[in-house]
Amino acid sequence: MKFRPLHDRVVVKRLESEEKTKGGIIIPDTAKEKPQEGEVVSVGPGGRDEAGKLIPIDLKPGNRVLFGKWSGTEVKIDGQDLLIMKESDIMGVLG
């Protein structure tokens, strides 16, 4: 299935966090925090301003981004766990 987000929404695949600390302690799944880093999978065309003019999204597929801990809506598409969020929920691009 192909999914295209609408308006200023972005589809992000959450990147997995490290399973070990720097000291070598293995962290069980139940104690892990949800990662706040992900990779952009697809983006919508952008939002509209008050005059109806299209404002394009600054992100593109492949960007590594940081987002808030509780940002987005979790969905499963083609067996993949993804997040759909507004562009404004993304704090910045890495690298």
C-alpha atoms as a PDB file:
ATOM      1  CA  MET A   1       0.000   0.000   0.000  1.00  0.00           C
ATOM      2  CA  LYS A   2       1.249   3.472  -0.804  1.00  0.00           C
ATOM      3  CA  PHE A   3       0.435   6.204   1.718  1.00  0.00           C
ATOM      4  CA  ARG A   4       0.667   9.936   1.013  1.00  0.00           C
ATOM      5  CA  PRO A   5       0.100  12.304   3.944  1.00  0.00           C
ATOM      6  CA  LEU A   6      -2.115  15.340   3.447  1.00  0.00           C
ATOM      7  CA  HIS A   7      -1.450  19.019   4.166  1.00  0.00           C
ATOM      8  CA  ASP A   8       1.486  19.666   6.526  1.00  0.00           C
ATOM      9  CA  ARG A   9       1.737  16.124   7.860  1.00  0.00           C
ATOM     10  CA  VAL A  10       4.894  14.001   7.832  1.00  0.00           C
ATOM     11  CA  VAL A  11       5.306  10.204   8.122  1.00  0.00           C
ATOM     12  CA  VAL A  12       8.278   9.250  10.323  1.00  0.00           C
ATOM     13  CA  LYS A  13       9.831   5.864  11.092  1.00  0.00           C
ATOM     14  CA  ARG A  14      11.079   5.845  14.677  1.00  0.00           C
ATOM     15  CA  LEU A  15      14.763   4.829  14.927  1.00  0.00           C
ATOM     16  CA  GLU A  16      15.554   2.197  17.531  1.00  0.00           C
ATOM     17  CA  SER A  17      17.438   3.230  20.654  1.00  0.00           C
ATOM     18  CA  GLU A  18      20.603   1.559  21.867  1.00  0.00           C
ATOM     19  CA  GLU A  19      20.144  -1.693  23.784  1.00  0.00           C
ATOM     20  CA  LYS A  20      23.328  -1.187  25.814  1.00  0.00           C
ATOM     21  CA  THR A  21      24.607   1.704  27.888  1.00  0.00           C
ATOM     22  CA  LYS A  22      28.142   2.985  27.356  1.00  0.00           C
ATOM     23  CA  GLY A  23      29.166   0.914  30.401  1.00  0.00           C
ATOM     24  CA  GLY A  24      27.875  -2.282  28.761  1.00  0.00           C
ATOM     25  CA  ILE A  25      24.633  -2.701  30.740  1.00  0.00           C
ATOM     26  CA  ILE A  26      21.888  -4.232  28.590  1.00  0.00           C
ATOM     27  CA  ILE A  27      18.575  -2.358  28.816  1.00  0.00           C
ATOM     28  CA  PRO A  28      15.440  -4.577  28.651  1.00  0.00           C
ATOM     29  CA  ASP A  29      12.613  -3.555  26.281  1.00  0.00           C
ATOM     30  CA  THR A  30      10.312  -2.712  29.192  1.00  0.00           C
ATOM     31  CA  ALA A  31      12.763  -0.138  30.595  1.00  0.00           C
ATOM     32  CA  LYS A  32      13.590   1.565  27.297  1.00  0.00           C
ATOM     33  CA  GLU A  33      12.339   5.052  26.568  1.00  0.00           C
ATOM     34  CA  LYS A  34      10.653   5.613  23.231  1.00  0.00           C
ATOM     35  CA  PRO A  35      13.257   7.078  20.878  1.00  0.00           C
ATOM     36  CA  GLN A  36      12.712  10.695  19.905  1.00  0.00           C
ATOM     37  CA  GLU A  37      14.689  10.343  16.700  1.00  0.00           C
ATOM     38  CA  GLY A  38      13.358   9.134  13.375  1.00  0.00           C
ATOM     39  CA  GLU A  39      13.684   9.094   9.628  1.00  0.00           C
ATOM     40  CA  VAL A  40      11.197  10.893   7.381  1.00  0.00           C
ATOM     41  CA  VAL A  41       9.416   8.397   5.118  1.00  0.00           C
ATOM     42  CA  SER A  42       7.102  10.781   3.244  1.00  0.00           C
ATOM     43  CA  VAL A  43       5.764  14.330   3.450  1.00  0.00           C
ATOM     44  CA  GLY A  44       2.558  16.049   2.449  1.00  0.00           C
ATOM     45  CA  PRO A  45       2.413  18.960  -0.001  1.00  0.00           C
ATOM     46  CA  GLY A  46       2.361  21.577   2.791  1.00  0.00           C
ATOM     47  CA  GLY A  47      -0.071  23.785   4.655  1.00  0.00           C
ATOM     48  CA  ARG A  48      -1.941  26.833   3.438  1.00  0.00           C
ATOM     49  CA  ASP A  49      -1.727  30.357   4.797  1.00  0.00           C
ATOM     50  CA  GLU A  50      -4.735  32.604   5.421  1.00  0.00           C
ATOM     51  CA  ALA A  51      -4.745  33.731   1.788  1.00  0.00           C
ATOM     52  CA  GLY A  52      -4.840  30.099   0.583  1.00  0.00           C
ATOM     53  CA  LYS A  53      -1.242  30.106  -0.698  1.00  0.00           C
ATOM     54  CA  LEU A  54       0.575  26.763  -0.366  1.00  0.00           C
ATOM     55  CA  ILE A  55       3.501  26.782   2.099  1.00  0.00           C
ATOM     56  CA  PRO A  56       5.778  23.836   1.168  1.00  0.00           C
ATOM     57  CA  ILE A  57       7.318  21.589   3.834  1.00  0.00           C
ATOM     58  CA  ASP A  58      11.072  21.997   4.486  1.00  0.00           C
ATOM     59  CA  LEU A  59      11.566  18.257   5.071  1.00  0.00           C
ATOM     60  CA  LYS A  60      12.162  15.507   2.535  1.00  0.00           C
ATOM     61  CA  PRO A  61      12.216  11.698   2.732  1.00  0.00           C
ATOM     62  CA  GLY A  62      15.453  10.416   4.259  1.00  0.00           C
ATOM     63  CA  ASN A  63      15.937  13.344   6.699  1.00  0.00           C
ATOM     64  CA  ARG A  64      16.823  12.279  10.269  1.00  0.00           C
ATOM     65  CA  VAL A  65      14.723  14.337  12.668  1.00  0.00           C
ATOM     66  CA  LEU A  66      14.112  14.915  16.369  1.00  0.00           C
ATOM     67  CA  PHE A  67      10.555  15.156  17.683  1.00  0.00           C
ATOM     68  CA  GLY A  68       8.746  15.382  21.019  1.00  0.00           C
ATOM     69  CA  LYS A  69       8.339  12.282  23.172  1.00  0.00           C
ATOM     70  CA  TRP A  70       4.545  12.179  22.752  1.00  0.00           C
ATOM     71  CA  SER A  71       4.365  13.638  19.229  1.00  0.00           C
ATOM     72  CA  GLY A  72       2.377  12.079  16.439  1.00  0.00           C
ATOM     73  CA  THR A  73      -0.092   9.273  15.999  1.00  0.00           C
ATOM     74  CA  GLU A  74       1.230   5.715  15.847  1.00  0.00           C
ATOM     75  CA  VAL A  75       0.017   3.686  12.854  1.00  0.00           C
ATOM     76  CA  LYS A  76       0.965   0.404  11.199  1.00  0.00           C
ATOM     77  CA  ILE A  77       1.276   0.454   7.402  1.00  0.00           C
ATOM     78  CA  ASP A  78       2.434  -2.640   5.511  1.00  0.00           C
ATOM     79  CA  GLY A  79       3.567  -4.190   8.825  1.00  0.00           C
ATOM     80  CA  GLN A  80       5.782  -1.205   9.643  1.00  0.00           C
ATOM     81  CA  ASP A  81       5.256   0.894  12.789  1.00  0.00           C
ATOM     82  CA  LEU A  82       5.195   4.555  11.747  1.00  0.00           C
ATOM     83  CA  LEU A  83       4.270   7.947  13.193  1.00  0.00           C
ATOM     84  CA  ILE A  84       2.158  10.571  11.463  1.00  0.00           C
ATOM     85  CA  MET A  85       2.716  14.074  12.817  1.00  0.00           C
ATOM     86  CA  LYS A  86       2.469  17.697  11.805  1.00  0.00           C
ATOM     87  CA  GLU A  87       5.603  19.417  10.577  1.00  0.00           C
ATOM     88  CA  SER A  88       5.411  21.725  13.612  1.00  0.00           C
ATOM     89  CA  ASP A  89       5.879  18.679  15.952  1.00  0.00           C
ATOM     90  CA  ILE A  90       9.369  18.154  14.530  1.00  0.00           C
ATOM     91  CA  MET A  91      12.047  20.068  16.438  1.00  0.00           C
ATOM     92  CA  GLY A  92      14.874  19.844  13.925  1.00  0.00           C
ATOM     93  CA  VAL A  93      16.867  17.919  11.343  1.00  0.00           C
ATOM     94  CA  LEU A  94      20.048  16.048  12.290  1.00  0.00           C
ATOM     95  CA  GLY A  95      23.148  16.252  10.115  1.00  0.00           C
END
